[in-house]
Amino acid sequence: LREAAIKASQAFLEIMNGISQVQALEQAVKSAEITLQGMEAGQKAGLRTNSDVLNAQQQLFSARRDLQKECYGYLINRLNLLATVGGLDDAEVETIDRMANSTVVK
């Protein structure tokens, strides 16, 4: 019983950490998108080079990748918590499946 409580507590803390990470990475993606727009505008004005734009694109794609990875990590941790506390049923699996399909970053 004690071990189950510890596992549930750890899974809950991992979920809370994952939520914070997702929020931070969402901000990083927004920032990278704005940076890329600025670099593209600067390139059109002759103030930035192709290399600057490519670096901004790489940062955006890295931020999106990291966000995607953290979103899926959150879902795995949620599954682990539900399994630990005995709350994993078909409805929860369907909910997590819908969440997984909606976390695809475009």
PDB file of N, CA and C in Angstrom:
ATOM      1  N   LEU A   1       0.826  -1.194   0.000  1.00  0.00           N
ATOM      2  CA  LEU A   1       0.000   0.000   0.000  1.00  0.00           C
ATOM      3  C   LEU A   1       0.867   1.253   0.000  1.00  0.00           C
ATOM      4  N   ARG A   2       1.926   1.204   0.812  1.00  0.00           N
ATOM      5  CA  ARG A   2       2.846   2.341   0.875  1.00  0.00           C
ATOM      6  C   ARG A   2       3.551   2.543  -0.470  1.00  0.00           C
ATOM      7  N   GLU A   3       3.959   1.431  -1.088  1.00  0.00           N
ATOM      8  CA  GLU A   3       4.640   1.525  -2.385  1.00  0.00           C
ATOM      9  C   GLU A   3       3.711   2.091  -3.450  1.00  0.00           C
ATOM     10  N   ALA A   4       2.458   1.702  -3.429  1.00  0.00           N
ATOM     11  CA  ALA A   4       1.490   2.233  -4.387  1.00  0.00           C
ATOM     12  C   ALA A   4       1.282   3.724  -4.177  1.00  0.00           C
ATOM     13  N   ALA A   5       1.250   4.157  -2.924  1.00  0.00           N
ATOM     14  CA  ALA A   5       1.082   5.587  -2.628  1.00  0.00           C
ATOM     15  C   ALA A   5       2.285   6.384  -3.122  1.00  0.00           C
ATOM     16  N   ILE A   6       3.472   5.831  -2.966  1.00  0.00           N
ATOM     17  CA  ILE A   6       4.693   6.502  -3.436  1.00  0.00           C
ATOM     18  C   ILE A   6       4.679   6.603  -4.955  1.00  0.00           C
ATOM     19  N   LYS A   7       4.323   5.511  -5.619  1.00  0.00           N
ATOM     20  CA  LYS A   7       4.268   5.524  -7.087  1.00  0.00           C
ATOM     21  C   LYS A   7       3.236   6.520  -7.585  1.00  0.00           C
ATOM     22  N   ALA A   8       2.079   6.565  -6.944  1.00  0.00           N
ATOM     23  CA  ALA A   8       1.036   7.512  -7.344  1.00  0.00           C
ATOM     24  C   ALA A   8       1.506   8.945  -7.138  1.00  0.00           C
ATOM     25  N   SER A   9       2.184   9.188  -6.031  1.00  0.00           N
ATOM     26  CA  SER A   9       2.703  10.528  -5.751  1.00  0.00           C
ATOM     27  C   SER A   9       3.746  10.939  -6.783  1.00  0.00           C
ATOM     28  N   GLN A  10       4.640  10.026  -7.127  1.00  0.00           N
ATOM     29  CA  GLN A  10       5.661  10.306  -8.129  1.00  0.00           C
ATOM     30  C   GLN A  10       5.036  10.578  -9.493  1.00  0.00           C
ATOM     31  N   ALA A  11       4.050   9.782  -9.868  1.00  0.00           N
ATOM     32  CA  ALA A  11       3.390   9.976 -11.157  1.00  0.00           C
ATOM     33  C   ALA A  11       2.665  11.322 -11.187  1.00  0.00           C
ATOM     34  N   PHE A  12       2.032  11.682 -10.076  1.00  0.00           N
ATOM     35  CA  PHE A  12       1.344  12.977 -10.010  1.00  0.00           C
ATOM     36  C   PHE A  12       2.334  14.120 -10.161  1.00  0.00           C
ATOM     37  N   LEU A  13       3.462  14.033  -9.471  1.00  0.00           N
ATOM     38  CA  LEU A  13       4.466  15.092  -9.577  1.00  0.00           C
ATOM     39  C   LEU A  13       5.041  15.181 -10.989  1.00  0.00           C
ATOM     40  N   GLU A  14       5.208  14.057 -11.643  1.00  0.00           N
ATOM     41  CA  GLU A  14       5.692  14.061 -13.026  1.00  0.00           C
ATOM     42  C   GLU A  14       4.661  14.723 -13.954  1.00  0.00           C
ATOM     43  N   ILE A  15       3.389  14.504 -13.689  1.00  0.00           N
ATOM     44  CA  ILE A  15       2.341  15.151 -14.484  1.00  0.00           C
ATOM     45  C   ILE A  15       2.384  16.656 -14.275  1.00  0.00           C
ATOM     46  N   MET A  16       2.483  17.090 -13.038  1.00  0.00           N
ATOM     47  CA  MET A  16       2.520  18.521 -12.748  1.00  0.00           C
ATOM     48  C   MET A  16       3.752  19.167 -13.394  1.00  0.00           C
ATOM     49  N   ASN A  17       4.887  18.492 -13.318  1.00  0.00           N
ATOM     50  CA  ASN A  17       6.095  18.987 -13.967  1.00  0.00           C
ATOM     51  C   ASN A  17       5.905  19.042 -15.482  1.00  0.00           C
ATOM     52  N   GLY A  18       5.270  18.016 -16.038  1.00  0.00           N
ATOM     53  CA  GLY A  18       5.026  17.978 -17.475  1.00  0.00           C
ATOM     54  C   GLY A  18       4.144  19.124 -17.937  1.00  0.00           C
ATOM     55  N   ILE A  19       3.144  19.463 -17.141  1.00  0.00           N
ATOM     56  CA  ILE A  19       2.268  20.584 -17.494  1.00  0.00           C
ATOM     57  C   ILE A  19       3.071  21.876 -17.558  1.00  0.00           C
ATOM     58  N   SER A  20       3.935  22.084 -16.574  1.00  0.00           N
ATOM     59  CA  SER A  20       4.775  23.290 -16.577  1.00  0.00           C
ATOM     60  C   SER A  20       5.714  23.309 -17.772  1.00  0.00           C
ATOM     61  N   GLN A  21       6.279  22.165 -18.094  1.00  0.00           N
ATOM     62  CA  GLN A  21       7.186  22.074 -19.233  1.00  0.00           C
ATOM     63  C   GLN A  21       6.451  22.362 -20.537  1.00  0.00           C
ATOM     64  N   VAL A  22       5.250  21.820 -20.684  1.00  0.00           N
ATOM     65  CA  VAL A  22       4.467  22.056 -21.894  1.00  0.00           C
ATOM     66  C   VAL A  22       4.160  23.536 -22.037  1.00  0.00           C
ATOM     67  N   GLN A  23       3.765  24.180 -20.954  1.00  0.00           N
ATOM     68  CA  GLN A  23       3.469  25.611 -21.011  1.00  0.00           C
ATOM     69  C   GLN A  23       4.705  26.411 -21.414  1.00  0.00           C
ATOM     70  N   ALA A  24       5.845  26.070 -20.845  1.00  0.00           N
ATOM     71  CA  ALA A  24       7.074  26.781 -21.185  1.00  0.00           C
ATOM     72  C   ALA A  24       7.451  26.552 -22.646  1.00  0.00           C
ATOM     73  N   LEU A  25       7.295  25.330 -23.116  1.00  0.00           N
ATOM     74  CA  LEU A  25       7.643  25.033 -24.503  1.00  0.00           C
ATOM     75  C   LEU A  25       6.659  25.662 -25.483  1.00  0.00           C
ATOM     76  N   GLU A  26       5.401  25.803 -25.092  1.00  0.00           N
ATOM     77  CA  GLU A  26       4.451  26.516 -25.950  1.00  0.00           C
ATOM     78  C   GLU A  26       4.893  27.967 -26.127  1.00  0.00           C
ATOM     79  N   GLN A  27       5.378  28.570 -25.062  1.00  0.00           N
ATOM     80  CA  GLN A  27       5.891  29.937 -25.156  1.00  0.00           C
ATOM     81  C   GLN A  27       7.141  29.987 -26.028  1.00  0.00           C
ATOM     82  N   ALA A  28       7.986  28.967 -25.907  1.00  0.00           N
ATOM     83  CA  ALA A  28       9.196  28.919 -26.734  1.00  0.00           C
ATOM     84  C   ALA A  28       8.839  28.824 -28.215  1.00  0.00           C
ATOM     85  N   VAL A  29       7.813  28.052 -28.542  1.00  0.00           N
ATOM     86  CA  VAL A  29       7.379  27.941 -29.940  1.00  0.00           C
ATOM     87  C   VAL A  29       6.861  29.286 -30.434  1.00  0.00           C
ATOM     88  N   LYS A  30       6.038  29.960 -29.632  1.00  0.00           N
ATOM     89  CA  LYS A  30       5.527  31.276 -30.027  1.00  0.00           C
ATOM     90  C   LYS A  30       6.676  32.255 -30.254  1.00  0.00           C
ATOM     91  N   SER A  31       7.646  32.234 -29.361  1.00  0.00           N
ATOM     92  CA  SER A  31       8.801  33.122 -29.485  1.00  0.00           C
ATOM     93  C   SER A  31       9.596  32.820 -30.753  1.00  0.00           C
ATOM     94  N   ALA A  32       9.797  31.533 -31.015  1.00  0.00           N
ATOM     95  CA  ALA A  32      10.547  31.138 -32.208  1.00  0.00           C
ATOM     96  C   ALA A  32       9.796  31.527 -33.487  1.00  0.00           C
ATOM     97  N   GLU A  33       8.463  31.433 -33.460  1.00  0.00           N
ATOM     98  CA  GLU A  33       7.679  31.844 -34.627  1.00  0.00           C
ATOM     99  C   GLU A  33       7.822  33.342 -34.884  1.00  0.00           C
ATOM    100  N   ILE A  34       7.777  34.129 -33.815  1.00  0.00           N
ATOM    101  CA  ILE A  34       7.936  35.579 -33.955  1.00  0.00           C
ATOM    102  C   ILE A  34       9.341  35.919 -34.446  1.00  0.00           C
ATOM    103  N   THR A  35      10.335  35.226 -33.915  1.00  0.00           N
ATOM    104  CA  THR A  35      11.709  35.447 -34.346  1.00  0.00           C
ATOM    105  C   THR A  35      11.863  35.143 -35.832  1.00  0.00           C
ATOM    106  N   LEU A  36      11.281  34.029 -36.267  1.00  0.00           N
ATOM    107  CA  LEU A  36      11.363  33.662 -37.680  1.00  0.00           C
ATOM    108  C   LEU A  36      10.692  34.720 -38.551  1.00  0.00           C
ATOM    109  N   GLN A  37       9.537  35.207 -38.138  1.00  0.00           N
ATOM    110  CA  GLN A  37       8.862  36.253 -38.909  1.00  0.00           C
ATOM    111  C   GLN A  37       9.740  37.500 -39.012  1.00  0.00           C
ATOM    112  N   GLY A  38      10.382  37.844 -37.920  1.00  0.00           N
ATOM    113  CA  GLY A  38      11.272  38.999 -37.927  1.00  0.00           C
ATOM    114  C   GLY A  38      12.473  38.799 -38.843  1.00  0.00           C
ATOM    115  N   MET A  39      13.019  37.605 -38.801  1.00  0.00           N
ATOM    116  CA  MET A  39      14.166  37.316 -39.672  1.00  0.00           C
ATOM    117  C   MET A  39      13.769  37.351 -41.141  1.00  0.00           C
ATOM    118  N   GLU A  40      12.588  36.812 -41.449  1.00  0.00           N
ATOM    119  CA  GLU A  40      12.132  36.831 -42.844  1.00  0.00           C
ATOM    120  C   GLU A  40      11.882  38.267 -43.309  1.00  0.00           C
ATOM    121  N   ALA A  41      11.301  39.079 -42.436  1.00  0.00           N
ATOM    122  CA  ALA A  41      11.082  40.488 -42.793  1.00  0.00           C
ATOM    123  C   ALA A  41      12.418  41.204 -42.959  1.00  0.00           C
ATOM    124  N   GLY A  42      13.368  40.898 -42.088  1.00  0.00           N
ATOM    125  CA  GLY A  42      14.698  41.487 -42.193  1.00  0.00           C
ATOM    126  C   GLY A  42      15.414  41.062 -43.458  1.00  0.00           C
ATOM    127  N   GLN A  43      15.194  39.824 -43.877  1.00  0.00           N
ATOM    128  CA  GLN A  43      15.805  39.339 -45.114  1.00  0.00           C
ATOM    129  C   GLN A  43      15.236  40.082 -46.316  1.00  0.00           C
ATOM    130  N   LYS A  44      13.923  40.296 -46.311  1.00  0.00           N
ATOM    131  CA  LYS A  44      13.297  41.019 -47.422  1.00  0.00           C
ATOM    132  C   LYS A  44      13.785  42.459 -47.485  1.00  0.00           C
ATOM    133  N   ALA A  45      14.093  43.019 -46.317  1.00  0.00           N
ATOM    134  CA  ALA A  45      14.589  44.401 -46.278  1.00  0.00           C
ATOM    135  C   ALA A  45      16.090  44.469 -46.530  1.00  0.00           C
ATOM    136  N   GLY A  46      16.737  43.316 -46.638  1.00  0.00           N
ATOM    137  CA  GLY A  46      18.165  43.286 -46.904  1.00  0.00           C
ATOM    138  C   GLY A  46      19.030  43.395 -45.658  1.00  0.00           C
ATOM    139  N   LEU A  47      18.414  43.239 -44.485  1.00  0.00           N
ATOM    140  CA  LEU A  47      19.157  43.365 -43.233  1.00  0.00           C
ATOM    141  C   LEU A  47      19.606  42.026 -42.658  1.00  0.00           C
ATOM    142  N   ARG A  48      19.000  40.933 -43.123  1.00  0.00           N
ATOM    143  CA  ARG A  48      19.343  39.599 -42.636  1.00  0.00           C
ATOM    144  C   ARG A  48      19.731  38.707 -43.805  1.00  0.00           C
ATOM    145  N   THR A  49      20.508  37.679 -43.500  1.00  0.00           N
ATOM    146  CA  THR A  49      20.976  36.754 -44.533  1.00  0.00           C
ATOM    147  C   THR A  49      20.127  35.480 -44.519  1.00  0.00           C
ATOM    148  N   ASN A  50      20.333  34.671 -45.551  1.00  0.00           N
ATOM    149  CA  ASN A  50      19.674  33.360 -45.599  1.00  0.00           C
ATOM    150  C   ASN A  50      20.033  32.526 -44.377  1.00  0.00           C
ATOM    151  N   SER A  51      21.265  32.638 -43.954  1.00  0.00           N
ATOM    152  CA  SER A  51      21.721  31.889 -42.792  1.00  0.00           C
ATOM    153  C   SER A  51      20.942  32.268 -41.538  1.00  0.00           C
ATOM    154  N   ASP A  52      20.654  33.544 -41.367  1.00  0.00           N
ATOM    155  CA  ASP A  52      19.867  33.994 -40.215  1.00  0.00           C
ATOM    156  C   ASP A  52      18.465  33.375 -40.235  1.00  0.00           C
ATOM    157  N   VAL A  53      17.867  33.362 -41.410  1.00  0.00           N
ATOM    158  CA  VAL A  53      16.524  32.793 -41.547  1.00  0.00           C
ATOM    159  C   VAL A  53      16.563  31.289 -41.296  1.00  0.00           C
ATOM    160  N   LEU A  54      17.554  30.608 -41.836  1.00  0.00           N
ATOM    161  CA  LEU A  54      17.668  29.163 -41.628  1.00  0.00           C
ATOM    162  C   LEU A  54      17.894  28.827 -40.157  1.00  0.00           C
ATOM    163  N   ASN A  55      18.696  29.621 -39.468  1.00  0.00           N
ATOM    164  CA  ASN A  55      18.904  29.390 -38.035  1.00  0.00           C
ATOM    165  C   ASN A  55      17.605  29.590 -37.254  1.00  0.00           C
ATOM    166  N   ALA A  56      16.828  30.595 -37.623  1.00  0.00           N
ATOM    167  CA  ALA A  56      15.550  30.836 -36.956  1.00  0.00           C
ATOM    168  C   ALA A  56      14.577  29.684 -37.224  1.00  0.00           C
ATOM    169  N   GLN A  57      14.598  29.158 -38.456  1.00  0.00           N
ATOM    170  CA  GLN A  57      13.746  28.007 -38.772  1.00  0.00           C
ATOM    171  C   GLN A  57      14.154  26.794 -37.953  1.00  0.00           C
ATOM    172  N   GLN A  58      15.448  26.586 -37.817  1.00  0.00           N
ATOM    173  CA  GLN A  58      15.940  25.451 -37.040  1.00  0.00           C
ATOM    174  C   GLN A  58      15.517  25.578 -35.582  1.00  0.00           C
ATOM    175  N   GLN A  59      15.574  26.765 -35.029  1.00  0.00           N
ATOM    176  CA  GLN A  59      15.151  26.970 -33.643  1.00  0.00           C
ATOM    177  C   GLN A  59      13.651  26.700 -33.487  1.00  0.00           C
ATOM    178  N   LEU A  60      12.869  27.115 -34.456  1.00  0.00           N
ATOM    179  CA  LEU A  60      11.430  26.866 -34.405  1.00  0.00           C
ATOM    180  C   LEU A  60      11.145  25.373 -34.466  1.00  0.00           C
ATOM    181  N   PHE A  61      11.787  24.670 -35.376  1.00  0.00           N
ATOM    182  CA  PHE A  61      11.544  23.235 -35.500  1.00  0.00           C
ATOM    183  C   PHE A  61      12.019  22.484 -34.254  1.00  0.00           C
ATOM    184  N   SER A  62      13.104  22.924 -33.653  1.00  0.00           N
ATOM    185  CA  SER A  62      13.573  22.301 -32.414  1.00  0.00           C
ATOM    186  C   SER A  62      12.585  22.531 -31.272  1.00  0.00           C
ATOM    187  N   ALA A  63      12.049  23.740 -31.190  1.00  0.00           N
ATOM    188  CA  ALA A  63      11.067  24.046 -30.144  1.00  0.00           C
ATOM    189  C   ALA A  63       9.802  23.212 -30.344  1.00  0.00           C
ATOM    190  N   ARG A  64       9.363  23.074 -31.585  1.00  0.00           N
ATOM    191  CA  ARG A  64       8.191  22.242 -31.855  1.00  0.00           C
ATOM    192  C   ARG A  64       8.441  20.779 -31.508  1.00  0.00           C
ATOM    193  N   ARG A  65       9.635  20.282 -31.842  1.00  0.00           N
ATOM    194  CA  ARG A  65       9.984  18.899 -31.522  1.00  0.00           C
ATOM    195  C   ARG A  65       9.975  18.685 -30.015  1.00  0.00           C
ATOM    196  N   ASP A  66      10.590  19.609 -29.280  1.00  0.00           N
ATOM    197  CA  ASP A  66      10.640  19.488 -27.835  1.00  0.00           C
ATOM    198  C   ASP A  66       9.244  19.544 -27.221  1.00  0.00           C
ATOM    199  N   LEU A  67       8.382  20.404 -27.757  1.00  0.00           N
ATOM    200  CA  LEU A  67       7.008  20.489 -27.277  1.00  0.00           C
ATOM    201  C   LEU A  67       6.283  19.177 -27.527  1.00  0.00           C
ATOM    202  N   GLN A  68       6.430  18.635 -28.715  1.00  0.00           N
ATOM    203  CA  GLN A  68       5.776  17.369 -29.048  1.00  0.00           C
ATOM    204  C   GLN A  68       6.237  16.258 -28.112  1.00  0.00           C
ATOM    205  N   LYS A  69       7.523  16.195 -27.871  1.00  0.00           N
ATOM    206  CA  LYS A  69       8.079  15.167 -26.992  1.00  0.00           C
ATOM    207  C   LYS A  69       7.518  15.310 -25.580  1.00  0.00           C
ATOM    208  N   GLU A  70       7.417  16.527 -25.086  1.00  0.00           N
ATOM    209  CA  GLU A  70       6.905  16.748 -23.736  1.00  0.00           C
ATOM    210  C   GLU A  70       5.411  16.446 -23.647  1.00  0.00           C
ATOM    211  N   CYS A  71       4.661  16.753 -24.706  1.00  0.00           N
ATOM    212  CA  CYS A  71       3.234  16.424 -24.717  1.00  0.00           C
ATOM    213  C   CYS A  71       3.018  14.917 -24.615  1.00  0.00           C
ATOM    214  N   TYR A  72       3.785  14.167 -25.378  1.00  0.00           N
ATOM    215  CA  TYR A  72       3.656  12.715 -25.299  1.00  0.00           C
ATOM    216  C   TYR A  72       4.147  12.177 -23.958  1.00  0.00           C
ATOM    217  N   GLY A  73       5.169  12.787 -23.388  1.00  0.00           N
ATOM    218  CA  GLY A  73       5.618  12.401 -22.054  1.00  0.00           C
ATOM    219  C   GLY A  73       4.537  12.619 -21.016  1.00  0.00           C
ATOM    220  N   TYR A  74       3.824  13.736 -21.139  1.00  0.00           N
ATOM    221  CA  TYR A  74       2.712  14.017 -20.231  1.00  0.00           C
ATOM    222  C   TYR A  74       1.658  12.915 -20.336  1.00  0.00           C
ATOM    223  N   LEU A  75       1.330  12.526 -21.565  1.00  0.00           N
ATOM    224  CA  LEU A  75       0.313  11.497 -21.753  1.00  0.00           C
ATOM    225  C   LEU A  75       0.758  10.153 -21.167  1.00  0.00           C
ATOM    226  N   ILE A  76       2.009   9.815 -21.329  1.00  0.00           N
ATOM    227  CA  ILE A  76       2.537   8.575 -20.748  1.00  0.00           C
ATOM    228  C   ILE A  76       2.454   8.626 -19.224  1.00  0.00           C
ATOM    229  N   ASN A  77       2.831   9.768 -18.648  1.00  0.00           N
ATOM    230  CA  ASN A  77       2.761   9.904 -17.199  1.00  0.00           C
ATOM    231  C   ASN A  77       1.320   9.825 -16.705  1.00  0.00           C
ATOM    232  N   ARG A  78       0.405  10.380 -17.484  1.00  0.00           N
ATOM    233  CA  ARG A  78      -1.010  10.290 -17.102  1.00  0.00           C
ATOM    234  C   ARG A  78      -1.475   8.837 -17.126  1.00  0.00           C
ATOM    235  N   LEU A  79      -1.070   8.109 -18.161  1.00  0.00           N
ATOM    236  CA  LEU A  79      -1.401   6.681 -18.210  1.00  0.00           C
ATOM    237  C   LEU A  79      -0.831   5.939 -17.007  1.00  0.00           C
ATOM    238  N   ASN A  80       0.411   6.237 -16.658  1.00  0.00           N
ATOM    239  CA  ASN A  80       1.047   5.587 -15.514  1.00  0.00           C
ATOM    240  C   ASN A  80       0.293   5.879 -14.221  1.00  0.00           C
ATOM    241  N   LEU A  81      -0.117   7.129 -14.034  1.00  0.00           N
ATOM    242  CA  LEU A  81      -0.856   7.478 -12.816  1.00  0.00           C
ATOM    243  C   LEU A  81      -2.188   6.741 -12.778  1.00  0.00           C
ATOM    244  N   LEU A  82      -2.912   6.759 -13.878  1.00  0.00           N
ATOM    245  CA  LEU A  82      -4.200   6.076 -13.906  1.00  0.00           C
ATOM    246  C   LEU A  82      -4.043   4.577 -13.662  1.00  0.00           C
ATOM    247  N   ALA A  83      -3.008   3.987 -14.217  1.00  0.00           N
ATOM    248  CA  ALA A  83      -2.770   2.560 -13.994  1.00  0.00           C
ATOM    249  C   ALA A  83      -2.404   2.279 -12.538  1.00  0.00           C
ATOM    250  N   THR A  84      -1.647   3.179 -11.945  1.00  0.00           N
ATOM    251  CA  THR A  84      -1.217   2.990 -10.555  1.00  0.00           C
ATOM    252  C   THR A  84      -2.390   3.065  -9.587  1.00  0.00           C
ATOM    253  N   VAL A  85      -3.315   3.988  -9.835  1.00  0.00           N
ATOM    254  CA  VAL A  85      -4.443   4.158  -8.908  1.00  0.00           C
ATOM    255  C   VAL A  85      -5.655   3.319  -9.309  1.00  0.00           C
ATOM    256  N   GLY A  86      -5.528   2.551 -10.390  1.00  0.00           N
ATOM    257  CA  GLY A  86      -6.612   1.671 -10.797  1.00  0.00           C
ATOM    258  C   GLY A  86      -7.720   2.387 -11.543  1.00  0.00           C
ATOM    259  N   GLY A  87      -7.416   3.510 -12.132  1.00  0.00           N
ATOM    260  CA  GLY A  87      -8.441   4.273 -12.842  1.00  0.00           C
ATOM    261  C   GLY A  87      -8.348   4.169 -14.342  1.00  0.00           C
ATOM    262  N   LEU A  88      -7.578   3.232 -14.828  1.00  0.00           N
ATOM    263  CA  LEU A  88      -7.384   3.103 -16.274  1.00  0.00           C
ATOM    264  C   LEU A  88      -8.465   2.180 -16.845  1.00  0.00           C
ATOM    265  N   ASP A  89      -9.390   2.775 -17.559  1.00  0.00           N
ATOM    266  CA  ASP A  89     -10.449   2.003 -18.211  1.00  0.00           C
ATOM    267  C   ASP A  89     -10.520   2.409 -19.681  1.00  0.00           C
ATOM    268  N   ASP A  90     -11.464   1.813 -20.393  1.00  0.00           N
ATOM    269  CA  ASP A  90     -11.576   2.087 -21.825  1.00  0.00           C
ATOM    270  C   ASP A  90     -11.839   3.554 -22.112  1.00  0.00           C
ATOM    271  N   ALA A  91     -12.667   4.195 -21.308  1.00  0.00           N
ATOM    272  CA  ALA A  91     -12.984   5.609 -21.530  1.00  0.00           C
ATOM    273  C   ALA A  91     -11.738   6.473 -21.383  1.00  0.00           C
ATOM    274  N   GLU A  92     -10.913   6.193 -20.376  1.00  0.00           N
ATOM    275  CA  GLU A  92      -9.678   6.958 -20.170  1.00  0.00           C
ATOM    276  C   GLU A  92      -8.698   6.731 -21.315  1.00  0.00           C
ATOM    277  N   VAL A  93      -8.598   5.505 -21.783  1.00  0.00           N
ATOM    278  CA  VAL A  93      -7.707   5.205 -22.908  1.00  0.00           C
ATOM    279  C   VAL A  93      -8.173   5.961 -24.145  1.00  0.00           C
ATOM    280  N   GLU A  94      -9.480   6.017 -24.372  1.00  0.00           N
ATOM    281  CA  GLU A  94     -10.004   6.770 -25.512  1.00  0.00           C
ATOM    282  C   GLU A  94      -9.727   8.257 -25.364  1.00  0.00           C
ATOM    283  N   THR A  95      -9.854   8.776 -24.156  1.00  0.00           N
ATOM    284  CA  THR A  95      -9.561  10.193 -23.901  1.00  0.00           C
ATOM    285  C   THR A  95      -8.098  10.495 -24.200  1.00  0.00           C
ATOM    286  N   ILE A  96      -7.222   9.653 -23.727  1.00  0.00           N
ATOM    287  CA  ILE A  96      -5.791   9.861 -23.955  1.00  0.00           C
ATOM    288  C   ILE A  96      -5.463   9.700 -25.439  1.00  0.00           C
ATOM    289  N   ASP A  97      -6.139   8.779 -26.110  1.00  0.00           N
ATOM    290  CA  ASP A  97      -5.938   8.620 -27.552  1.00  0.00           C
ATOM    291  C   ASP A  97      -6.330   9.896 -28.286  1.00  0.00           C
ATOM    292  N   ARG A  98      -7.460  10.498 -27.921  1.00  0.00           N
ATOM    293  CA  ARG A  98      -7.883  11.753 -28.540  1.00  0.00           C
ATOM    294  C   ARG A  98      -6.863  12.849 -28.248  1.00  0.00           C
ATOM    295  N   MET A  99      -6.370  12.900 -27.026  1.00  0.00           N
ATOM    296  CA  MET A  99      -5.374  13.908 -26.661  1.00  0.00           C
ATOM    297  C   MET A  99      -4.094  13.697 -27.462  1.00  0.00           C
ATOM    298  N   ALA A 100      -3.694  12.462 -27.632  1.00  0.00           N
ATOM    299  CA  ALA A 100      -2.471  12.174 -28.401  1.00  0.00           C
ATOM    300  C   ALA A 100      -2.633  12.616 -29.842  1.00  0.00           C
ATOM    301  N   ASN A 101      -3.796  12.390 -30.403  1.00  0.00           N
ATOM    302  CA  ASN A 101      -4.027  12.797 -31.790  1.00  0.00           C
ATOM    303  C   ASN A 101      -4.128  14.302 -31.939  1.00  0.00           C
ATOM    304  N   SER A 102      -4.522  14.996 -30.882  1.00  0.00           N
ATOM    305  CA  SER A 102      -4.647  16.455 -30.970  1.00  0.00           C
ATOM    306  C   SER A 102      -3.359  17.174 -30.629  1.00  0.00           C
ATOM    307  N   THR A 103      -2.341  16.463 -30.143  1.00  0.00           N
ATOM    308  CA  THR A 103      -1.080  17.122 -29.787  1.00  0.00           C
ATOM    309  C   THR A 103      -0.103  17.217 -30.939  1.00  0.00           C
ATOM    310  N   VAL A 104      -0.540  16.808 -32.108  1.00  0.00           N
ATOM    311  CA  VAL A 104       0.339  16.891 -33.270  1.00  0.00           C
ATOM    312  C   VAL A 104       0.577  18.369 -33.575  1.00  0.00           C
ATOM    313  N   VAL A 105       1.831  18.784 -33.452  1.00  0.00           N
ATOM    314  CA  VAL A 105       2.197  20.184 -33.700  1.00  0.00           C
ATOM    315  C   VAL A 105       2.349  20.378 -35.194  1.00  0.00           C
ATOM    316  N   LYS A 106       1.709  21.393 -35.708  1.00  0.00           N
ATOM    317  CA  LYS A 106       1.771  21.653 -37.149  1.00  0.00           C
ATOM    318  C   LYS A 106       2.637  22.846 -37.442  1.00  0.00           C
TER     319      LYS A 106
END
